[in-house]
Amino acid sequence: MQSAKASDFKIDIAADLHKWRAFVAIGELGSLTRAALFLDSNQSLLSRQLNALERECGARLFNRTGRGVELSETGTRLFPQVKALLADAERLENQIRGEAREPSGRVTLGLLPSIALPLVGRLFVETRRRCPAVSLKVLEGSSGQVEEWLADARVDIAILYRYGPSLPEMEHSLAVVDSYLIGPPGDKSTAAPEVAFDSLNDLPFILPSAPNGLRTALDAIARQRRITLAPVIEADSLPLQKGLVATERLYTVLPIHAVWSEVADKRLQAARIFDPPFQRTISMALSKSKGPARAVSAVASLIVEIVEDMARAGMWRPAEAPSRDSA
């Protein structure tokens, strides 16, 4: 009887997959800084891993350029094989962890403050109840910051405001939001349910500073209507905007969900802007390259469900079907 033989694998340089994970991230992003952000690591550690990998390989894997790094001839030849190896390893790990049966892992969200307040609490409760193996990490920032995090793959899901009739390609429309003139309690300009856009002329505003999506859209309509929007103070902080409107009798422009509790408690007043209506779309964008796929999909589905439920409660309106940018 012939004795059984074990498979004879000789693995040395390829044994540490973490180093090769860093190699792939640097190769795809072309920058140690961006790769460190993507991997939630730091640049010095990544540089040491890369130097160690190049010593072990006995060859340079990247060429340094003025803009970052690019794959060398050796790195270019190895890149697709390493990526295939990591993909196989990920599939094996997912099977071992049982991810095919239950979503698991951390999902990172990037949100604007006015959206985070009504959404994150409910999302946390529903995620814990229905996807207990999934954890959430929330990053809150300006629209520019959220878009930068999405581009750098620091977030798996980004929730943004979009103005105008079209959405960037690959973004999903969640809801359509009317904008409101927000004033202090007892204010005459916001006493009626609605206010014409031209009535915003020369009011003392607290508004975000440019560049900002809201500010750009407001200024564009103001020019068309030949009226003056006069911010007496610029501030990107949502709590500061709401606080100074209440105490200093200023005005700002916000969606109703951003001041839902303050209006209900009569700490602020809100009048919907019309003639023309000033609307924005809440959109959701998914990162193309980060995060556990099943967990990200599960959380994205929960977000859609929660937003639709909030629309039924009157916080915003169900998503229409805006056109897509071709670029």
Protein backbone atom coordinates (compact mmCIF):
# COMPACT_ATOMS: atom_id res chain seq x y z
CA MET A 1 0.00 0.00 0.00
CA GLN A 2 1.40 3.36 -1.01
CA SER A 3 1.71 5.78 1.90
CA ALA A 4 -0.17 9.09 1.69
CA LYS A 5 1.85 12.23 1.06
CA ALA A 6 1.17 15.69 2.40
CA SER A 7 1.20 18.64 0.02
CA ASP A 8 4.60 20.23 0.04
CA PHE A 9 4.10 24.02 0.19
CA LYS A 10 7.19 26.16 0.66
CA ILE A 11 6.05 29.63 1.75
CA ASP A 12 8.36 32.29 3.10
CA ILE A 13 8.06 35.70 1.45
CA ALA A 14 4.32 35.25 0.78
CA ALA A 15 3.55 34.11 4.33
CA ASP A 16 2.71 37.58 5.73
CA LEU A 17 -0.41 38.61 3.83
CA HIS A 18 -0.68 41.89 5.75
CA LYS A 19 2.43 43.20 4.00
CA TRP A 20 1.01 42.21 0.64
CA ARG A 21 -2.31 43.85 1.54
CA ALA A 22 -0.36 47.06 2.05
CA PHE A 23 1.42 46.48 -1.31
CA VAL A 24 -1.94 46.23 -3.13
CA ALA A 25 -3.39 49.31 -1.39
CA ILE A 26 -0.33 51.42 -2.24
CA GLY A 27 -0.38 50.16 -5.82
CA GLU A 28 -4.06 51.02 -6.28
CA LEU A 29 -3.98 54.42 -4.60
CA GLY A 30 -0.50 55.55 -5.73
CA SER A 31 0.26 57.13 -2.36
CA LEU A 32 1.46 55.92 1.04
CA THR A 33 -0.63 58.62 2.70
CA ARG A 34 -3.86 57.53 1.01
CA ALA A 35 -3.06 53.86 1.58
CA ALA A 36 -2.49 54.52 5.29
CA LEU A 37 -5.88 56.26 5.54
CA PHE A 38 -7.54 53.42 3.65
CA LEU A 39 -6.01 50.76 5.91
CA ASP A 40 -6.60 52.76 9.12
CA SER A 41 -2.84 52.60 9.65
CA ASN A 42 -0.10 55.21 9.72
CA GLN A 43 2.35 56.19 7.01
CA SER A 44 5.53 55.32 8.92
CA LEU A 45 4.35 51.76 9.65
CA LEU A 46 3.33 51.32 6.03
CA SER A 47 6.72 52.59 4.86
CA ARG A 48 8.51 50.09 7.12
CA GLN A 49 6.33 47.24 5.81
CA LEU A 50 7.10 48.22 2.23
CA ASN A 51 10.85 48.46 2.89
CA ALA A 52 10.82 45.03 4.56
CA LEU A 53 8.89 43.55 1.63
CA GLU A 54 11.33 44.96 -0.91
CA ARG A 55 14.28 43.55 1.09
CA GLU A 56 12.66 40.13 1.20
CA CYS A 57 11.92 40.22 -2.53
CA GLY A 58 15.36 41.52 -3.37
CA ALA A 59 13.79 44.00 -5.77
CA ARG A 60 12.23 47.43 -5.79
CA LEU A 61 8.42 47.18 -5.96
CA PHE A 62 7.67 50.89 -6.39
CA ASN A 63 9.31 53.90 -7.98
CA ARG A 64 9.01 57.16 -6.06
CA THR A 65 7.66 60.09 -8.08
CA GLY A 66 6.88 63.71 -7.31
CA ARG A 67 3.19 62.85 -6.99
CA GLY A 68 3.59 59.71 -4.87
CA VAL A 69 4.63 56.20 -5.93
CA GLU A 70 4.01 53.95 -8.92
CA LEU A 71 4.59 50.26 -9.45
CA SER A 72 8.02 49.26 -10.72
CA GLU A 73 8.46 46.67 -13.46
CA THR A 74 8.70 43.92 -10.82
CA GLY A 75 5.77 45.34 -8.87
CA THR A 76 3.62 45.52 -12.01
CA ARG A 77 4.35 41.85 -12.78
CA LEU A 78 3.55 40.71 -9.22
CA PHE A 79 0.49 42.93 -8.67
CA PRO A 80 -2.27 40.81 -10.34
CA GLN A 81 -0.95 37.60 -8.77
CA VAL A 82 -0.84 39.12 -5.30
CA LYS A 83 -4.33 40.56 -5.71
CA ALA A 84 -5.65 37.13 -6.76
CA LEU A 85 -3.92 35.55 -3.73
CA LEU A 86 -5.53 38.06 -1.36
CA ALA A 87 -8.95 37.56 -2.96
CA ASP A 88 -8.66 33.79 -2.41
CA ALA A 89 -7.57 34.36 1.19
CA GLU A 90 -10.53 36.71 1.77
CA ARG A 91 -12.98 34.15 0.38
CA LEU A 92 -11.53 31.49 2.68
CA GLU A 93 -11.74 33.79 5.68
CA ASN A 94 -15.35 34.67 4.87
CA GLN A 95 -16.24 30.98 4.76
CA ILE A 96 -14.48 30.34 8.05
CA ARG A 97 -16.22 33.26 9.72
CA GLY A 98 -19.57 32.21 8.32
CA GLU A 99 -20.04 35.53 6.56
CA ALA A 100 -22.03 33.74 3.86
CA ARG A 101 -24.70 33.18 6.53
CA GLU A 102 -24.57 36.43 8.48
CA PRO A 103 -23.13 39.89 7.67
CA SER A 104 -20.26 40.82 9.97
CA GLY A 105 -17.55 43.42 10.32
CA ARG A 106 -17.27 47.19 10.75
CA VAL A 107 -19.05 49.59 8.40
CA THR A 108 -17.84 53.21 8.33
CA LEU A 109 -20.32 55.98 7.54
CA GLY A 110 -19.60 59.54 6.45
CA LEU A 111 -22.49 61.94 7.10
CA LEU A 112 -23.35 65.62 7.31
CA PRO A 113 -24.33 66.79 10.82
CA SER A 114 -27.92 67.65 9.84
CA ILE A 115 -28.45 64.12 8.47
CA ALA A 116 -26.56 62.30 11.21
CA LEU A 117 -28.82 63.61 13.99
CA PRO A 118 -32.11 62.04 12.83
CA LEU A 119 -30.60 58.96 11.17
CA VAL A 120 -27.78 57.46 13.23
CA GLY A 121 -29.75 56.64 16.38
CA ARG A 122 -32.33 54.59 14.52
CA LEU A 123 -29.67 53.00 12.33
CA PHE A 124 -27.72 51.89 15.40
CA VAL A 125 -30.80 50.32 16.99
CA GLU A 126 -31.82 48.48 13.81
CA THR A 127 -28.27 47.31 13.07
CA ARG A 128 -27.83 45.94 16.58
CA ARG A 129 -31.22 44.18 16.39
CA ARG A 130 -31.01 42.74 12.88
CA CYS A 131 -27.26 42.50 12.16
CA PRO A 132 -25.64 41.94 15.58
CA ALA A 133 -22.27 40.97 14.08
CA VAL A 134 -22.00 44.35 12.30
CA SER A 135 -20.53 47.40 14.08
CA LEU A 136 -20.81 51.02 12.97
CA LYS A 137 -18.22 53.79 12.84
CA VAL A 138 -19.56 57.28 12.14
CA LEU A 139 -17.53 60.19 10.74
CA GLU A 140 -19.31 63.56 10.70
CA GLY A 141 -18.13 66.46 8.58
CA SER A 142 -18.85 69.02 5.89
CA SER A 143 -19.91 67.98 2.40
CA GLY A 144 -16.36 68.52 1.15
CA GLN A 145 -14.91 66.35 3.92
CA VAL A 146 -17.42 63.54 3.31
CA GLU A 147 -16.64 63.54 -0.41
CA GLU A 148 -12.90 63.44 0.34
CA TRP A 149 -13.39 60.51 2.73
CA LEU A 150 -15.35 58.67 0.04
CA ALA A 151 -12.65 59.33 -2.58
CA ASP A 152 -9.94 58.13 -0.17
CA ALA A 153 -12.00 55.04 0.80
CA ARG A 154 -12.06 56.08 4.47
CA VAL A 155 -15.81 55.48 4.51
CA ASP A 156 -17.90 52.63 3.13
CA ILE A 157 -21.12 54.65 2.83
CA ALA A 158 -21.47 58.41 2.34
CA ILE A 159 -24.74 60.32 2.81
CA LEU A 160 -24.72 63.69 1.06
CA TYR A 161 -26.90 66.56 -0.12
CA ARG A 162 -27.08 67.15 -3.85
CA TYR A 163 -28.57 70.24 -5.46
CA GLY A 164 -30.02 70.37 -8.94
CA PRO A 165 -31.81 67.82 -11.13
CA SER A 166 -29.01 65.25 -11.52
CA LEU A 167 -26.96 62.94 -9.33
CA PRO A 168 -23.38 61.79 -9.91
CA GLU A 169 -23.10 58.34 -11.40
CA MET A 170 -23.46 55.42 -8.95
CA GLU A 171 -25.27 57.48 -6.29
CA HIS A 172 -28.68 56.44 -5.00
CA SER A 173 -31.40 59.00 -4.30
CA LEU A 174 -32.89 58.52 -0.83
CA ALA A 175 -35.24 61.47 -0.34
CA VAL A 176 -36.12 64.95 -1.54
CA VAL A 177 -35.90 67.68 1.09
CA ASP A 178 -37.49 71.13 1.06
CA SER A 179 -35.45 74.00 2.49
CA TYR A 180 -36.83 76.28 5.18
CA LEU A 181 -36.08 79.79 6.33
CA ILE A 182 -35.22 79.37 10.00
CA GLY A 183 -35.85 82.25 12.39
CA PRO A 184 -36.13 82.96 16.12
CA PRO A 185 -39.36 82.38 18.08
CA GLY A 186 -41.96 85.09 17.49
CA ASP A 187 -40.34 86.22 14.25
CA LYS A 188 -42.68 87.71 11.63
CA SER A 189 -40.76 86.49 8.55
CA THR A 190 -41.14 82.85 9.56
CA ALA A 191 -44.59 83.09 11.16
CA ALA A 192 -46.43 81.83 8.05
CA PRO A 193 -46.03 78.23 6.84
CA GLU A 194 -44.34 79.41 3.62
CA VAL A 195 -42.14 82.28 2.52
CA ALA A 196 -41.24 83.37 -1.02
CA PHE A 197 -37.55 83.18 -1.91
CA ASP A 198 -37.46 86.91 -2.65
CA SER A 199 -38.36 87.59 0.99
CA LEU A 200 -34.85 86.46 1.93
CA ASN A 201 -33.51 89.72 0.49
CA ASP A 202 -31.19 91.54 2.93
CA LEU A 203 -32.10 89.44 5.98
CA PRO A 204 -29.24 89.07 8.51
CA PHE A 205 -28.07 85.51 7.84
CA ILE A 206 -25.71 83.05 9.46
CA LEU A 207 -24.65 80.74 6.61
CA PRO A 208 -21.86 78.26 5.87
CA SER A 209 -18.81 79.72 4.20
CA ALA A 210 -18.00 78.92 0.57
CA PRO A 211 -17.20 76.48 -0.90
CA ASN A 212 -20.34 74.74 0.33
CA GLY A 213 -23.18 73.11 -1.61
CA LEU A 214 -25.94 74.98 0.21
CA ARG A 215 -24.18 78.33 -0.08
CA THR A 216 -23.42 77.84 -3.78
CA ALA A 217 -27.03 76.92 -4.58
CA LEU A 218 -28.45 79.80 -2.51
CA ASP A 219 -26.15 82.35 -4.10
CA ALA A 220 -26.99 81.08 -7.60
CA ILE A 221 -30.75 81.49 -7.09
CA ALA A 222 -30.23 84.89 -5.42
CA ARG A 223 -28.35 86.11 -8.51
CA GLN A 224 -31.11 84.84 -10.77
CA ARG A 225 -33.72 86.62 -8.65
CA ARG A 226 -31.53 89.73 -8.32
CA ILE A 227 -31.74 89.81 -4.55
CA THR A 228 -29.04 90.07 -1.91
CA LEU A 229 -28.28 87.37 0.63
CA ALA A 230 -26.33 89.08 3.37
CA PRO A 231 -24.61 86.77 5.85
CA VAL A 232 -23.52 88.85 8.81
CA ILE A 233 -21.56 85.84 10.07
CA GLU A 234 -20.32 82.68 8.37
CA ALA A 235 -20.19 79.42 10.34
CA ASP A 236 -20.16 75.78 9.28
CA SER A 237 -21.24 74.49 12.69
CA LEU A 238 -24.89 73.41 12.77
CA PRO A 239 -25.30 73.90 16.57
CA LEU A 240 -23.79 77.38 16.25
CA GLN A 241 -26.13 78.30 13.41
CA LYS A 242 -29.19 77.20 15.37
CA GLY A 243 -27.98 78.79 18.60
CA LEU A 244 -27.27 82.22 17.09
CA VAL A 245 -30.57 82.24 15.20
CA ALA A 246 -32.36 81.78 18.52
CA THR A 247 -30.31 84.17 20.65
CA GLU A 248 -29.19 86.88 18.20
CA ARG A 249 -32.33 86.90 16.03
CA LEU A 250 -30.51 85.91 12.87
CA TYR A 251 -31.72 83.67 10.03
CA THR A 252 -30.42 80.58 8.30
CA VAL A 253 -31.61 78.06 5.71
CA LEU A 254 -31.92 74.42 6.73
CA PRO A 255 -34.00 71.32 6.00
CA ILE A 256 -36.80 70.79 8.50
CA HIS A 257 -35.27 67.59 9.89
CA ALA A 258 -32.27 69.62 11.10
CA VAL A 259 -34.52 71.69 13.40
CA TRP A 260 -37.29 69.15 14.03
CA SER A 261 -37.11 69.18 17.83
CA GLU A 262 -36.38 72.94 18.11
CA VAL A 263 -39.46 73.81 16.02
CA ALA A 264 -41.61 71.34 17.99
CA ASP A 265 -40.43 72.95 21.26
CA LYS A 266 -40.96 76.48 19.82
CA ARG A 267 -37.30 77.37 20.25
CA LEU A 268 -37.10 78.15 16.50
CA GLN A 269 -39.55 78.90 13.70
CA ALA A 270 -39.48 77.50 10.17
CA ALA A 271 -41.20 78.57 6.94
CA ARG A 272 -40.86 76.51 3.77
CA ILE A 273 -39.22 78.42 0.92
CA PHE A 274 -41.20 78.55 -2.33
CA ASP A 275 -41.45 80.63 -5.53
CA PRO A 276 -39.10 79.11 -6.46
CA PRO A 277 -38.89 76.10 -4.15
CA PHE A 278 -35.39 75.44 -2.89
CA GLN A 279 -34.84 71.70 -2.68
CA ARG A 280 -32.02 69.23 -2.18
CA THR A 281 -31.70 65.49 -2.64
CA ILE A 282 -30.34 63.21 0.06
CA SER A 283 -28.11 60.76 -1.78
CA MET A 284 -26.18 57.66 -0.76
CA ALA A 285 -22.84 56.68 -2.30
CA LEU A 286 -20.98 53.42 -1.63
CA SER A 287 -17.21 53.11 -1.71
CA LYS A 288 -15.96 50.90 -4.53
CA SER A 289 -13.07 49.40 -2.62
CA LYS A 290 -13.55 49.19 1.15
CA GLY A 291 -15.46 47.29 3.77
CA PRO A 292 -17.05 43.84 4.17
CA ALA A 293 -19.39 43.63 1.20
CA ARG A 294 -22.29 41.82 2.87
CA ALA A 295 -22.17 44.10 5.93
CA VAL A 296 -22.06 47.25 3.79
CA SER A 297 -25.02 46.02 1.72
CA ALA A 298 -26.98 45.18 4.85
CA VAL A 299 -26.41 48.62 6.41
CA ALA A 300 -27.21 50.38 3.11
CA SER A 301 -30.52 48.48 2.94
CA LEU A 302 -31.33 49.52 6.51
CA ILE A 303 -30.61 53.16 5.65
CA VAL A 304 -33.01 53.02 2.69
CA GLU A 305 -35.70 51.45 4.90
CA ILE A 306 -35.29 54.00 7.69
CA VAL A 307 -35.28 56.98 5.31
CA GLU A 308 -38.48 55.72 3.68
CA ASP A 309 -40.10 55.35 7.10
CA MET A 310 -39.06 58.91 8.01
CA ALA A 311 -40.61 60.13 4.75
CA ARG A 312 -43.92 58.58 5.82
CA ALA A 313 -43.59 60.47 9.12
CA GLY A 314 -43.26 63.77 7.21
CA MET A 315 -39.59 64.51 7.85
CA TRP A 316 -38.87 64.60 4.10
CA ARG A 317 -40.44 63.41 0.85
CA PRO A 318 -39.86 60.07 -0.88
CA ALA A 319 -37.11 60.05 -3.45
CA GLU A 320 -38.00 61.04 -6.96
CA ALA A 321 -35.95 59.77 -9.86
CA PRO A 322 -33.39 62.48 -10.71
CA SER A 323 -31.36 62.09 -13.86
CA ARG A 324 -27.79 60.84 -13.75
CA ASP A 325 -24.71 62.76 -14.77
CA SER A 326 -23.16 61.12 -17.77
CA ALA A 327 -19.65 61.83 -16.59
